[in-house]
Amino acid sequence: MIINLSPVRMDTTLTLKIEGDKVYVNNEVADFTQLLEGATLPYDAIGSNWFPGDVSREGGEITLTIRLPHGPNAPVETRFPASPIIVRNNGEVTLPIYDIPAEEDYPEVETVEVTNE
């Protein structure tokens, strides 16, 4: 399976799992087992906002696009993925980092000199 990522700023995180031709997105299943060789399923027929593009099967390989939510401090690699994820085995799909925690800003503390008189 070839999974293209479409990054979008969201407060929701994503879990992605593959079982054969089934894709579990946050425990919601999209079953593409009926998608025939050479066929394309339009994104609006899928019924899920997680799939912003069409799904196709060519050469026995399913190709799809998944929305990739990310936080306000996501690294560049998450916001601009270099290539699709190629999945060859069933199981949980490792996704790019959602967010990098921002360093907390602490107010500067004034130093006071104390003398013992």
PDB file of N, CA and C in Angstrom:
ATOM      1  N   MET A   1       0.856  -1.172   0.000  1.00  0.00           N
ATOM      2  CA  MET A   1       0.000   0.000   0.000  1.00  0.00           C
ATOM      3  C   MET A   1       0.900   1.232   0.000  1.00  0.00           C
ATOM      4  N   ILE A   2       0.493   2.203  -0.793  1.00  0.00           N
ATOM      5  CA  ILE A   2       1.231   3.465  -0.863  1.00  0.00           C
ATOM      6  C   ILE A   2       0.353   4.537  -0.232  1.00  0.00           C
ATOM      7  N   ILE A   3       0.859   5.152   0.826  1.00  0.00           N
ATOM      8  CA  ILE A   3       0.088   6.151   1.565  1.00  0.00           C
ATOM      9  C   ILE A   3       0.755   7.513   1.415  1.00  0.00           C
ATOM     10  N   ASN A   4       0.073   8.396   0.713  1.00  0.00           N
ATOM     11  CA  ASN A   4       0.515   9.785   0.606  1.00  0.00           C
ATOM     12  C   ASN A   4      -0.053  10.548   1.790  1.00  0.00           C
ATOM     13  N   LEU A   5       0.705  11.475   2.317  1.00  0.00           N
ATOM     14  CA  LEU A   5       0.271  12.249   3.479  1.00  0.00           C
ATOM     15  C   LEU A   5      -0.094  13.668   3.067  1.00  0.00           C
ATOM     16  N   SER A   6      -1.215  14.133   3.607  1.00  0.00           N
ATOM     17  CA  SER A   6      -1.678  15.499   3.362  1.00  0.00           C
ATOM     18  C   SER A   6      -1.728  16.213   4.712  1.00  0.00           C
ATOM     19  N   PRO A   7      -0.625  16.873   5.105  1.00  0.00           N
ATOM     20  CA  PRO A   7      -0.553  17.508   6.416  1.00  0.00           C
ATOM     21  C   PRO A   7      -1.570  18.630   6.579  1.00  0.00           C
ATOM     22  N   VAL A   8      -2.138  18.692   7.777  1.00  0.00           N
ATOM     23  CA  VAL A   8      -3.099  19.744   8.112  1.00  0.00           C
ATOM     24  C   VAL A   8      -3.002  20.013   9.612  1.00  0.00           C
ATOM     25  N   ARG A   9      -3.058  21.278   9.978  1.00  0.00           N
ATOM     26  CA  ARG A   9      -3.006  21.665  11.395  1.00  0.00           C
ATOM     27  C   ARG A   9      -4.331  21.299  12.045  1.00  0.00           C
ATOM     28  N   MET A  10      -4.291  20.368  13.006  1.00  0.00           N
ATOM     29  CA  MET A  10      -5.483  19.899  13.721  1.00  0.00           C
ATOM     30  C   MET A  10      -5.103  19.584  15.162  1.00  0.00           C
ATOM     31  N   ASP A  11      -6.076  19.668  16.046  1.00  0.00           N
ATOM     32  CA  ASP A  11      -5.850  19.303  17.444  1.00  0.00           C
ATOM     33  C   ASP A  11      -6.092  17.815  17.677  1.00  0.00           C
ATOM     34  N   THR A  12      -6.478  17.097  16.653  1.00  0.00           N
ATOM     35  CA  THR A  12      -6.725  15.663  16.743  1.00  0.00           C
ATOM     36  C   THR A  12      -5.482  14.905  16.306  1.00  0.00           C
ATOM     37  N   THR A  13      -5.125  13.856  17.034  1.00  0.00           N
ATOM     38  CA  THR A  13      -4.004  13.023  16.613  1.00  0.00           C
ATOM     39  C   THR A  13      -4.534  11.881  15.746  1.00  0.00           C
ATOM     40  N   LEU A  14      -3.626  11.155  15.129  1.00  0.00           N
ATOM     41  CA  LEU A  14      -4.005  10.098  14.195  1.00  0.00           C
ATOM     42  C   LEU A  14      -3.312   8.801  14.560  1.00  0.00           C
ATOM     43  N   THR A  15      -4.080   7.719  14.544  1.00  0.00           N
ATOM     44  CA  THR A  15      -3.502   6.379  14.574  1.00  0.00           C
ATOM     45  C   THR A  15      -3.921   5.704  13.283  1.00  0.00           C
ATOM     46  N   LEU A  16      -3.003   4.992  12.688  1.00  0.00           N
ATOM     47  CA  LEU A  16      -3.238   4.366  11.391  1.00  0.00           C
ATOM     48  C   LEU A  16      -2.767   2.920  11.460  1.00  0.00           C
ATOM     49  N   LYS A  17      -3.655   2.017  11.049  1.00  0.00           N
ATOM     50  CA  LYS A  17      -3.351   0.590  11.086  1.00  0.00           C
ATOM     51  C   LYS A  17      -3.821  -0.028   9.772  1.00  0.00           C
ATOM     52  N   ILE A  18      -3.043  -0.974   9.252  1.00  0.00           N
ATOM     53  CA  ILE A  18      -3.370  -1.645   8.003  1.00  0.00           C
ATOM     54  C   ILE A  18      -3.570  -3.129   8.275  1.00  0.00           C
ATOM     55  N   GLU A  19      -4.648  -3.678   7.722  1.00  0.00           N
ATOM     56  CA  GLU A  19      -4.904  -5.127   7.739  1.00  0.00           C
ATOM     57  C   GLU A  19      -5.359  -5.517   6.345  1.00  0.00           C
ATOM     58  N   GLY A  20      -4.435  -6.020   5.543  1.00  0.00           N
ATOM     59  CA  GLY A  20      -4.752  -6.360   4.156  1.00  0.00           C
ATOM     60  C   GLY A  20      -5.100  -5.103   3.385  1.00  0.00           C
ATOM     61  N   ASP A  21      -6.324  -5.067   2.836  1.00  0.00           N
ATOM     62  CA  ASP A  21      -6.795  -3.900   2.094  1.00  0.00           C
ATOM     63  C   ASP A  21      -7.684  -3.004   2.947  1.00  0.00           C
ATOM     64  N   LYS A  22      -7.670  -3.218   4.253  1.00  0.00           N
ATOM     65  CA  LYS A  22      -8.445  -2.389   5.184  1.00  0.00           C
ATOM     66  C   LYS A  22      -7.515  -1.390   5.863  1.00  0.00           C
ATOM     67  N   VAL A  23      -8.004  -0.156   5.981  1.00  0.00           N
ATOM     68  CA  VAL A  23      -7.255   0.907   6.636  1.00  0.00           C
ATOM     69  C   VAL A  23      -8.067   1.371   7.845  1.00  0.00           C
ATOM     70  N   TYR A  24      -7.456   1.301   9.013  1.00  0.00           N
ATOM     71  CA  TYR A  24      -8.102   1.764  10.247  1.00  0.00           C
ATOM     72  C   TYR A  24      -7.526   3.131  10.596  1.00  0.00           C
ATOM     73  N   VAL A  25      -8.380   4.133  10.563  1.00  0.00           N
ATOM     74  CA  VAL A  25      -7.999   5.502  10.890  1.00  0.00           C
ATOM     75  C   VAL A  25      -8.705   5.857  12.190  1.00  0.00           C
ATOM     76  N   ASN A  26      -7.928   5.942  13.283  1.00  0.00           N
ATOM     77  CA  ASN A  26      -8.514   6.185  14.614  1.00  0.00           C
ATOM     78  C   ASN A  26      -9.685   5.233  14.866  1.00  0.00           C
ATOM     79  N   ASN A  27      -9.481   3.955  14.565  1.00  0.00           N
ATOM     80  CA  ASN A  27     -10.455   2.872  14.765  1.00  0.00           C
ATOM     81  C   ASN A  27     -11.657   2.923  13.825  1.00  0.00           C
ATOM     82  N   GLU A  28     -11.677   3.850  12.884  1.00  0.00           N
ATOM     83  CA  GLU A  28     -12.699   3.883  11.830  1.00  0.00           C
ATOM     84  C   GLU A  28     -12.119   3.096  10.658  1.00  0.00           C
ATOM     85  N   VAL A  29     -12.873   2.140  10.113  1.00  0.00           N
ATOM     86  CA  VAL A  29     -12.328   1.288   9.064  1.00  0.00           C
ATOM     87  C   VAL A  29     -12.796   1.727   7.671  1.00  0.00           C
ATOM     88  N   ALA A  30     -11.860   1.693   6.740  1.00  0.00           N
ATOM     89  CA  ALA A  30     -12.164   1.888   5.323  1.00  0.00           C
ATOM     90  C   ALA A  30     -11.693   0.612   4.628  1.00  0.00           C
ATOM     91  N   ASP A  31     -12.617  -0.111   4.036  1.00  0.00           N
ATOM     92  CA  ASP A  31     -12.336  -1.415   3.437  1.00  0.00           C
ATOM     93  C   ASP A  31     -12.253  -1.268   1.918  1.00  0.00           C
ATOM     94  N   PHE A  32     -11.073  -1.510   1.355  1.00  0.00           N
ATOM     95  CA  PHE A  32     -10.861  -1.373  -0.073  1.00  0.00           C
ATOM     96  C   PHE A  32     -10.685  -2.720  -0.770  1.00  0.00           C
ATOM     97  N   THR A  33     -11.138  -3.815  -0.136  1.00  0.00           N
ATOM     98  CA  THR A  33     -10.975  -5.143  -0.729  1.00  0.00           C
ATOM     99  C   THR A  33     -11.763  -5.292  -2.031  1.00  0.00           C
ATOM    100  N   GLN A  34     -12.838  -4.560  -2.204  1.00  0.00           N
ATOM    101  CA  GLN A  34     -13.651  -4.663  -3.417  1.00  0.00           C
ATOM    102  C   GLN A  34     -13.140  -3.784  -4.562  1.00  0.00           C
ATOM    103  N   LEU A  35     -12.098  -2.995  -4.313  1.00  0.00           N
ATOM    104  CA  LEU A  35     -11.543  -2.121  -5.344  1.00  0.00           C
ATOM    105  C   LEU A  35     -10.775  -2.972  -6.351  1.00  0.00           C
ATOM    106  N   LEU A  36     -11.271  -3.026  -7.578  1.00  0.00           N
ATOM    107  CA  LEU A  36     -10.689  -3.875  -8.606  1.00  0.00           C
ATOM    108  C   LEU A  36      -9.406  -3.286  -9.192  1.00  0.00           C
ATOM    109  N   GLU A  37      -8.605  -4.157  -9.776  1.00  0.00           N
ATOM    110  CA  GLU A  37      -7.377  -3.749 -10.453  1.00  0.00           C
ATOM    111  C   GLU A  37      -7.688  -2.705 -11.525  1.00  0.00           C
ATOM    112  N   GLY A  38      -6.957  -1.595 -11.508  1.00  0.00           N
ATOM    113  CA  GLY A  38      -7.141  -0.527 -12.477  1.00  0.00           C
ATOM    114  C   GLY A  38      -8.273   0.434 -12.152  1.00  0.00           C
ATOM    115  N   ALA A  39      -8.979   0.181 -11.055  1.00  0.00           N
ATOM    116  CA  ALA A  39     -10.123   1.027 -10.682  1.00  0.00           C
ATOM    117  C   ALA A  39      -9.686   2.154  -9.757  1.00  0.00           C
ATOM    118  N   THR A  40     -10.518   3.209  -9.761  1.00  0.00           N
ATOM    119  CA  THR A  40     -10.306   4.346  -8.875  1.00  0.00           C
ATOM    120  C   THR A  40     -11.607   4.641  -8.152  1.00  0.00           C
ATOM    121  N   LEU A  41     -11.515   4.790  -6.848  1.00  0.00           N
ATOM    122  CA  LEU A  41     -12.660   5.149  -6.021  1.00  0.00           C
ATOM    123  C   LEU A  41     -12.548   6.628  -5.692  1.00  0.00           C
ATOM    124  N   PRO A  42     -13.528   7.446  -6.118  1.00  0.00           N
ATOM    125  CA  PRO A  42     -13.454   8.880  -5.820  1.00  0.00           C
ATOM    126  C   PRO A  42     -13.525   9.136  -4.316  1.00  0.00           C
ATOM    127  N   TYR A  43     -12.796  10.152  -3.863  1.00  0.00           N
ATOM    128  CA  TYR A  43     -12.714  10.437  -2.428  1.00  0.00           C
ATOM    129  C   TYR A  43     -14.086  10.675  -1.803  1.00  0.00           C
ATOM    130  N   ASP A  44     -15.014  11.285  -2.539  1.00  0.00           N
ATOM    131  CA  ASP A  44     -16.326  11.577  -1.951  1.00  0.00           C
ATOM    132  C   ASP A  44     -17.177  10.320  -1.788  1.00  0.00           C
ATOM    133  N   ALA A  45     -16.770   9.202  -2.387  1.00  0.00           N
ATOM    134  CA  ALA A  45     -17.500   7.939  -2.213  1.00  0.00           C
ATOM    135  C   ALA A  45     -17.017   7.187  -0.971  1.00  0.00           C
ATOM    136  N   ILE A  46     -15.911   7.619  -0.395  1.00  0.00           N
ATOM    137  CA  ILE A  46     -15.348   6.925   0.770  1.00  0.00           C
ATOM    138  C   ILE A  46     -16.122   7.258   2.039  1.00  0.00           C
ATOM    139  N   GLY A  47     -16.609   8.478   2.154  1.00  0.00           N
ATOM    140  CA  GLY A  47     -17.413   8.852   3.316  1.00  0.00           C
ATOM    141  C   GLY A  47     -16.606   9.147   4.562  1.00  0.00           C
ATOM    142  N   SER A  48     -15.365   9.577   4.385  1.00  0.00           N
ATOM    143  CA  SER A  48     -14.528   9.921   5.536  1.00  0.00           C
ATOM    144  C   SER A  48     -13.674  11.134   5.184  1.00  0.00           C
ATOM    145  N   ASN A  49     -13.633  12.095   6.080  1.00  0.00           N
ATOM    146  CA  ASN A  49     -12.801  13.283   5.866  1.00  0.00           C
ATOM    147  C   ASN A  49     -11.308  12.987   5.954  1.00  0.00           C
ATOM    148  N   TRP A  50     -10.940  11.802   6.426  1.00  0.00           N
ATOM    149  CA  TRP A  50      -9.525  11.442   6.533  1.00  0.00           C
ATOM    150  C   TRP A  50      -8.904  11.175   5.169  1.00  0.00           C
ATOM    151  N   PHE A  51      -9.735  10.947   4.147  1.00  0.00           N
ATOM    152  CA  PHE A  51      -9.243  10.630   2.805  1.00  0.00           C
ATOM    153  C   PHE A  51      -9.547  11.798   1.873  1.00  0.00           C
ATOM    154  N   PRO A  52      -8.594  12.720   1.666  1.00  0.00           N
ATOM    155  CA  PRO A  52      -8.858  13.896   0.841  1.00  0.00           C
ATOM    156  C   PRO A  52      -8.633  13.674  -0.654  1.00  0.00           C
ATOM    157  N   GLY A  53      -8.351  12.448  -1.052  1.00  0.00           N
ATOM    158  CA  GLY A  53      -8.106  12.161  -2.461  1.00  0.00           C
ATOM    159  C   GLY A  53      -8.682  10.817  -2.858  1.00  0.00           C
ATOM    160  N   ASP A  54      -8.642  10.541  -4.144  1.00  0.00           N
ATOM    161  CA  ASP A  54      -9.144   9.270  -4.667  1.00  0.00           C
ATOM    162  C   ASP A  54      -8.251   8.116  -4.204  1.00  0.00           C
ATOM    163  N   VAL A  55      -8.803   6.904  -4.232  1.00  0.00           N
ATOM    164  CA  VAL A  55      -8.062   5.687  -3.908  1.00  0.00           C
ATOM    165  C   VAL A  55      -8.041   4.836  -5.162  1.00  0.00           C
ATOM    166  N   SER A  56      -6.874   4.315  -5.507  1.00  0.00           N
ATOM    167  CA  SER A  56      -6.772   3.506  -6.725  1.00  0.00           C
ATOM    168  C   SER A  56      -5.994   2.225  -6.452  1.00  0.00           C
ATOM    169  N   ARG A  57      -6.171   1.276  -7.385  1.00  0.00           N
ATOM    170  CA  ARG A  57      -5.401   0.023  -7.317  1.00  0.00           C
ATOM    171  C   ARG A  57      -4.782  -0.210  -8.695  1.00  0.00           C
ATOM    172  N   GLU A  58      -3.461  -0.228  -8.717  1.00  0.00           N
ATOM    173  CA  GLU A  58      -2.729  -0.496  -9.960  1.00  0.00           C
ATOM    174  C   GLU A  58      -1.575  -1.426  -9.647  1.00  0.00           C
ATOM    175  N   GLY A  59      -1.432  -2.458 -10.441  1.00  0.00           N
ATOM    176  CA  GLY A  59      -0.378  -3.437 -10.200  1.00  0.00           C
ATOM    177  C   GLY A  59      -0.572  -4.144  -8.867  1.00  0.00           C
ATOM    178  N   GLY A  60      -1.824  -4.254  -8.437  1.00  0.00           N
ATOM    179  CA  GLY A  60      -2.141  -4.893  -7.163  1.00  0.00           C
ATOM    180  C   GLY A  60      -1.899  -4.007  -5.949  1.00  0.00           C
ATOM    181  N   GLU A  61      -1.407  -2.816  -6.177  1.00  0.00           N
ATOM    182  CA  GLU A  61      -1.042  -1.893  -5.094  1.00  0.00           C
ATOM    183  C   GLU A  61      -2.115  -0.817  -4.920  1.00  0.00           C
ATOM    184  N   ILE A  62      -2.582  -0.660  -3.696  1.00  0.00           N
ATOM    185  CA  ILE A  62      -3.530   0.408  -3.379  1.00  0.00           C
ATOM    186  C   ILE A  62      -2.738   1.681  -3.088  1.00  0.00           C
ATOM    187  N   THR A  63      -3.182   2.776  -3.691  1.00  0.00           N
ATOM    188  CA  THR A  63      -2.579   4.085  -3.445  1.00  0.00           C
ATOM    189  C   THR A  63      -3.657   5.008  -2.923  1.00  0.00           C
ATOM    190  N   LEU A  64      -3.374   5.675  -1.806  1.00  0.00           N
ATOM    191  CA  LEU A  64      -4.355   6.572  -1.202  1.00  0.00           C
ATOM    192  C   LEU A  64      -3.662   7.737  -0.521  1.00  0.00           C
ATOM    193  N   THR A  65      -4.472   8.717  -0.146  1.00  0.00           N
ATOM    194  CA  THR A  65      -3.970   9.883   0.587  1.00  0.00           C
ATOM    195  C   THR A  65      -4.721   9.983   1.905  1.00  0.00           C
ATOM    196  N   ILE A  66      -3.981  10.222   2.978  1.00  0.00           N
ATOM    197  CA  ILE A  66      -4.537  10.370   4.331  1.00  0.00           C
ATOM    198  C   ILE A  66      -4.184  11.756   4.843  1.00  0.00           C
ATOM    199  N   ARG A  67      -5.141  12.395   5.500  1.00  0.00           N
ATOM    200  CA  ARG A  67      -4.832  13.662   6.183  1.00  0.00           C
ATOM    201  C   ARG A  67      -3.918  13.346   7.368  1.00  0.00           C
ATOM    202  N   LEU A  68      -2.872  14.120   7.494  1.00  0.00           N
ATOM    203  CA  LEU A  68      -1.932  13.946   8.600  1.00  0.00           C
ATOM    204  C   LEU A  68      -2.045  15.150   9.525  1.00  0.00           C
ATOM    205  N   PRO A  69      -2.748  14.998  10.646  1.00  0.00           N
ATOM    206  CA  PRO A  69      -2.839  16.129  11.567  1.00  0.00           C
ATOM    207  C   PRO A  69      -1.486  16.401  12.217  1.00  0.00           C
ATOM    208  N   HIS A  70      -1.256  17.684  12.511  1.00  0.00           N
ATOM    209  CA  HIS A  70      -0.023  18.043  13.217  1.00  0.00           C
ATOM    210  C   HIS A  70      -0.299  19.232  14.126  1.00  0.00           C
ATOM    211  N   GLY A  71       0.543  19.369  15.133  1.00  0.00           N
ATOM    212  CA  GLY A  71       0.425  20.452  16.104  1.00  0.00           C
ATOM    213  C   GLY A  71       1.065  21.737  15.611  1.00  0.00           C
ATOM    214  N   PRO A  72       0.973  22.800  16.403  1.00  0.00           N
ATOM    215  CA  PRO A  72       1.484  24.107  15.995  1.00  0.00           C
ATOM    216  C   PRO A  72       3.009  24.162  15.872  1.00  0.00           C
ATOM    217  N   ASN A  73       3.710  23.241  16.527  1.00  0.00           N
ATOM    218  CA  ASN A  73       5.178  23.237  16.482  1.00  0.00           C
ATOM    219  C   ASN A  73       5.718  21.989  15.788  1.00  0.00           C
ATOM    220  N   ALA A  74       4.965  21.465  14.836  1.00  0.00           N
ATOM    221  CA  ALA A  74       5.400  20.251  14.132  1.00  0.00           C
ATOM    222  C   ALA A  74       6.681  20.516  13.357  1.00  0.00           C
ATOM    223  N   PRO A  75       7.549  19.514  13.291  1.00  0.00           N
ATOM    224  CA  PRO A  75       8.785  19.697  12.536  1.00  0.00           C
ATOM    225  C   PRO A  75       8.504  19.788  11.027  1.00  0.00           C
ATOM    226  N   VAL A  76       9.454  20.298  10.301  1.00  0.00           N
ATOM    227  CA  VAL A  76       9.325  20.466   8.852  1.00  0.00           C
ATOM    228  C   VAL A  76       9.013  19.130   8.175  1.00  0.00           C
ATOM    229  N   GLU A  77       9.628  18.050   8.638  1.00  0.00           N
ATOM    230  CA  GLU A  77       9.421  16.728   8.048  1.00  0.00           C
ATOM    231  C   GLU A  77       7.960  16.289   8.145  1.00  0.00           C
ATOM    232  N   THR A  78       7.253  16.748   9.160  1.00  0.00           N
ATOM    233  CA  THR A  78       5.832  16.420   9.315  1.00  0.00           C
ATOM    234  C   THR A  78       4.981  17.313   8.420  1.00  0.00           C
ATOM    235  N   ARG A  79       5.292  18.591   8.399  1.00  0.00           N
ATOM    236  CA  ARG A  79       4.486  19.542   7.619  1.00  0.00           C
ATOM    237  C   ARG A  79       4.707  19.411   6.115  1.00  0.00           C
ATOM    238  N   PHE A  80       5.879  18.912   5.727  1.00  0.00           N
ATOM    239  CA  PHE A  80       6.214  18.759   4.303  1.00  0.00           C
ATOM    240  C   PHE A  80       6.869  17.395   4.088  1.00  0.00           C
ATOM    241  N   PRO A  81       6.089  16.298   4.126  1.00  0.00           N
ATOM    242  CA  PRO A  81       6.682  14.968   3.970  1.00  0.00           C
ATOM    243  C   PRO A  81       7.369  14.818   2.607  1.00  0.00           C
ATOM    244  N   ALA A  82       8.550  14.229   2.613  1.00  0.00           N
ATOM    245  CA  ALA A  82       9.347  14.101   1.392  1.00  0.00           C
ATOM    246  C   ALA A  82       8.821  13.024   0.447  1.00  0.00           C
ATOM    247  N   SER A  83       8.227  11.973   0.996  1.00  0.00           N
ATOM    248  CA  SER A  83       7.778  10.870   0.148  1.00  0.00           C
ATOM    249  C   SER A  83       6.616  10.138   0.817  1.00  0.00           C
ATOM    250  N   PRO A  84       5.931   9.304   0.039  1.00  0.00           N
ATOM    251  CA  PRO A  84       4.837   8.535   0.634  1.00  0.00           C
ATOM    252  C   PRO A  84       5.375   7.442   1.560  1.00  0.00           C
ATOM    253  N   ILE A  85       4.478   6.891   2.357  1.00  0.00           N
ATOM    254  CA  ILE A  85       4.806   5.752   3.214  1.00  0.00           C
ATOM    255  C   ILE A  85       4.428   4.496   2.438  1.00  0.00           C
ATOM    256  N   ILE A  86       5.351   3.566   2.330  1.00  0.00           N
ATOM    257  CA  ILE A  86       5.102   2.294   1.661  1.00  0.00           C
ATOM    258  C   ILE A  86       4.890   1.250   2.755  1.00  0.00           C
ATOM    259  N   VAL A  87       3.721   0.618   2.730  1.00  0.00           N
ATOM    260  CA  VAL A  87       3.378  -0.371   3.755  1.00  0.00           C
ATOM    261  C   VAL A  87       3.353  -1.750   3.109  1.00  0.00           C
ATOM    262  N   ARG A  88       4.158  -2.660   3.634  1.00  0.00           N
ATOM    263  CA  ARG A  88       4.231  -4.027   3.101  1.00  0.00           C
ATOM    264  C   ARG A  88       3.665  -5.059   4.071  1.00  0.00           C
ATOM    265  N   ASN A  89       3.495  -4.675   5.338  1.00  0.00           N
ATOM    266  CA  ASN A  89       3.026  -5.619   6.360  1.00  0.00           C
ATOM    267  C   ASN A  89       1.822  -5.050   7.094  1.00  0.00           C
ATOM    268  N   ASN A  90       1.020  -5.943   7.627  1.00  0.00           N
ATOM    269  CA  ASN A  90      -0.103  -5.527   8.459  1.00  0.00           C
ATOM    270  C   ASN A  90       0.406  -4.962   9.772  1.00  0.00           C
ATOM    271  N   GLY A  91      -0.403  -4.071  10.348  1.00  0.00           N
ATOM    272  CA  GLY A  91      -0.073  -3.540  11.658  1.00  0.00           C
ATOM    273  C   GLY A  91      -0.135  -2.032  11.692  1.00  0.00           C
ATOM    274  N   GLU A  92       0.307  -1.504  12.821  1.00  0.00           N
ATOM    275  CA  GLU A  92       0.318  -0.059  13.045  1.00  0.00           C
ATOM    276  C   GLU A  92       1.338   0.608  12.125  1.00  0.00           C
ATOM    277  N   VAL A  93       0.958   1.742  11.558  1.00  0.00           N
ATOM    278  CA  VAL A  93       1.848   2.493  10.669  1.00  0.00           C
ATOM    279  C   VAL A  93       2.522   3.598  11.481  1.00  0.00           C
ATOM    280  N   THR A  94       3.834   3.669  11.380  1.00  0.00           N
ATOM    281  CA  THR A  94       4.579   4.724  12.062  1.00  0.00           C
ATOM    282  C   THR A  94       4.417   6.015  11.274  1.00  0.00           C
ATOM    283  N   LEU A  95       3.916   7.044  11.943  1.00  0.00           N
ATOM    284  CA  LEU A  95       3.659   8.340  11.317  1.00  0.00           C
ATOM    285  C   LEU A  95       4.665   9.375  11.798  1.00  0.00           C
ATOM    286  N   PRO A  96       4.830  10.450  11.040  1.00  0.00           N
ATOM    287  CA  PRO A  96       5.722  11.524  11.491  1.00  0.00           C
ATOM    288  C   PRO A  96       5.265  12.117  12.824  1.00  0.00           C
ATOM    289  N   ILE A  97       6.171  12.779  13.497  1.00  0.00           N
ATOM    290  CA  ILE A  97       5.917  13.387  14.800  1.00  0.00           C
ATOM    291  C   ILE A  97       4.784  14.411  14.702  1.00  0.00           C
ATOM    292  N   TYR A  98       3.826  14.328  15.639  1.00  0.00           N
ATOM    293  CA  TYR A  98       2.682  15.244  15.653  1.00  0.00           C
ATOM    294  C   TYR A  98       3.108  16.672  15.996  1.00  0.00           C
ATOM    295  N   ASP A  99       3.942  16.815  17.021  1.00  0.00           N
ATOM    296  CA  ASP A  99       4.298  18.141  17.501  1.00  0.00           C
ATOM    297  C   ASP A  99       5.572  18.063  18.339  1.00  0.00           C
ATOM    298  N   ILE A 100       6.258  19.164  18.420  1.00  0.00           N
ATOM    299  CA  ILE A 100       7.406  19.292  19.318  1.00  0.00           C
ATOM    300  C   ILE A 100       6.991  20.270  20.412  1.00  0.00           C
ATOM    301  N   PRO A 101       7.074  19.845  21.670  1.00  0.00           N
ATOM    302  CA  PRO A 101       6.669  20.765  22.741  1.00  0.00           C
ATOM    303  C   PRO A 101       7.481  22.057  22.697  1.00  0.00           C
ATOM    304  N   ALA A 102       6.794  23.167  22.812  1.00  0.00           N
ATOM    305  CA  ALA A 102       7.466  24.472  22.825  1.00  0.00           C
ATOM    306  C   ALA A 102       8.178  24.646  24.156  1.00  0.00           C
ATOM    307  N   GLU A 103       9.331  25.291  24.101  1.00  0.00           N
ATOM    308  CA  GLU A 103      10.028  25.587  25.345  1.00  0.00           C
ATOM    309  C   GLU A 103       9.208  26.611  26.110  1.00  0.00           C
ATOM    310  N   GLU A 104       9.058  26.347  27.383  1.00  0.00           N
ATOM    311  CA  GLU A 104       8.270  27.278  28.190  1.00  0.00           C
ATOM    312  C   GLU A 104       9.058  28.561  28.413  1.00  0.00           C
ATOM    313  N   ASP A 105       8.375  29.667  28.295  1.00  0.00           N
ATOM    314  CA  ASP A 105       9.001  30.959  28.540  1.00  0.00           C
ATOM    315  C   ASP A 105       8.836  31.317  30.020  1.00  0.00           C
ATOM    316  N   TYR A 106       9.937  31.475  30.666  1.00  0.00           N
ATOM    317  CA  TYR A 106       9.911  31.868  32.066  1.00  0.00           C
ATOM    318  C   TYR A 106      10.310  33.333  32.167  1.00  0.00           C
ATOM    319  N   PRO A 107       9.638  34.088  33.005  1.00  0.00           N
ATOM    320  CA  PRO A 107      10.036  35.493  33.147  1.00  0.00           C
ATOM    321  C   PRO A 107      11.431  35.569  33.781  1.00  0.00           C
ATOM    322  N   GLU A 108      12.161  36.580  33.384  1.00  0.00           N
ATOM    323  CA  GLU A 108      13.481  36.758  33.971  1.00  0.00           C
ATOM    324  C   GLU A 108      13.319  37.148  35.431  1.00  0.00           C
ATOM    325  N   VAL A 109      14.171  36.587  36.248  1.00  0.00           N
ATOM    326  CA  VAL A 109      14.135  36.862  37.674  1.00  0.00           C
ATOM    327  C   VAL A 109      15.212  37.869  38.005  1.00  0.00           C
ATOM    328  N   GLU A 110      14.815  38.893  38.714  1.00  0.00           N
ATOM    329  CA  GLU A 110      15.767  39.930  39.107  1.00  0.00           C
ATOM    330  C   GLU A 110      16.600  39.389  40.255  1.00  0.00           C
ATOM    331  N   THR A 111      17.890  39.550  40.158  1.00  0.00           N
ATOM    332  CA  THR A 111      18.784  39.111  41.200  1.00  0.00           C
ATOM    333  C   THR A 111      18.955  40.231  42.213  1.00  0.00           C
ATOM    334  N   VAL A 112      18.759  39.875  43.472  1.00  0.00           N
ATOM    335  CA  VAL A 112      18.887  40.852  44.555  1.00  0.00           C
ATOM    336  C   VAL A 112      20.029  40.390  45.448  1.00  0.00           C
ATOM    337  N   GLU A 113      20.922  41.335  45.776  1.00  0.00           N
ATOM    338  CA  GLU A 113      22.041  41.020  46.641  1.00  0.00           C
ATOM    339  C   GLU A 113      21.613  41.205  48.097  1.00  0.00           C
ATOM    340  N   VAL A 114      21.909  40.216  48.906  1.00  0.00           N
ATOM    341  CA  VAL A 114      21.543  40.284  50.319  1.00  0.00           C
ATOM    342  C   VAL A 114      22.821  40.409  51.138  1.00  0.00           C
ATOM    343  N   THR A 115      22.810  41.351  52.094  1.00  0.00           N
ATOM    344  CA  THR A 115      23.979  41.533  52.973  1.00  0.00           C
ATOM    345  C   THR A 115      23.546  41.303  54.400  1.00  0.00           C
ATOM    346  N   ASN A 116      24.440  40.777  55.191  1.00  0.00           N
ATOM    347  CA  ASN A 116      24.159  40.551  56.609  1.00  0.00           C
ATOM    348  C   ASN A 116      24.821  41.671  57.420  1.00  0.00           C
ATOM    349  N   GLU A 117      24.038  42.526  57.995  1.00  0.00           N
ATOM    350  CA  GLU A 117      24.581  43.631  58.800  1.00  0.00           C
ATOM    351  C   GLU A 117      24.250  43.462  60.233  1.00  0.00           C
TER     352      GLU A 117
END
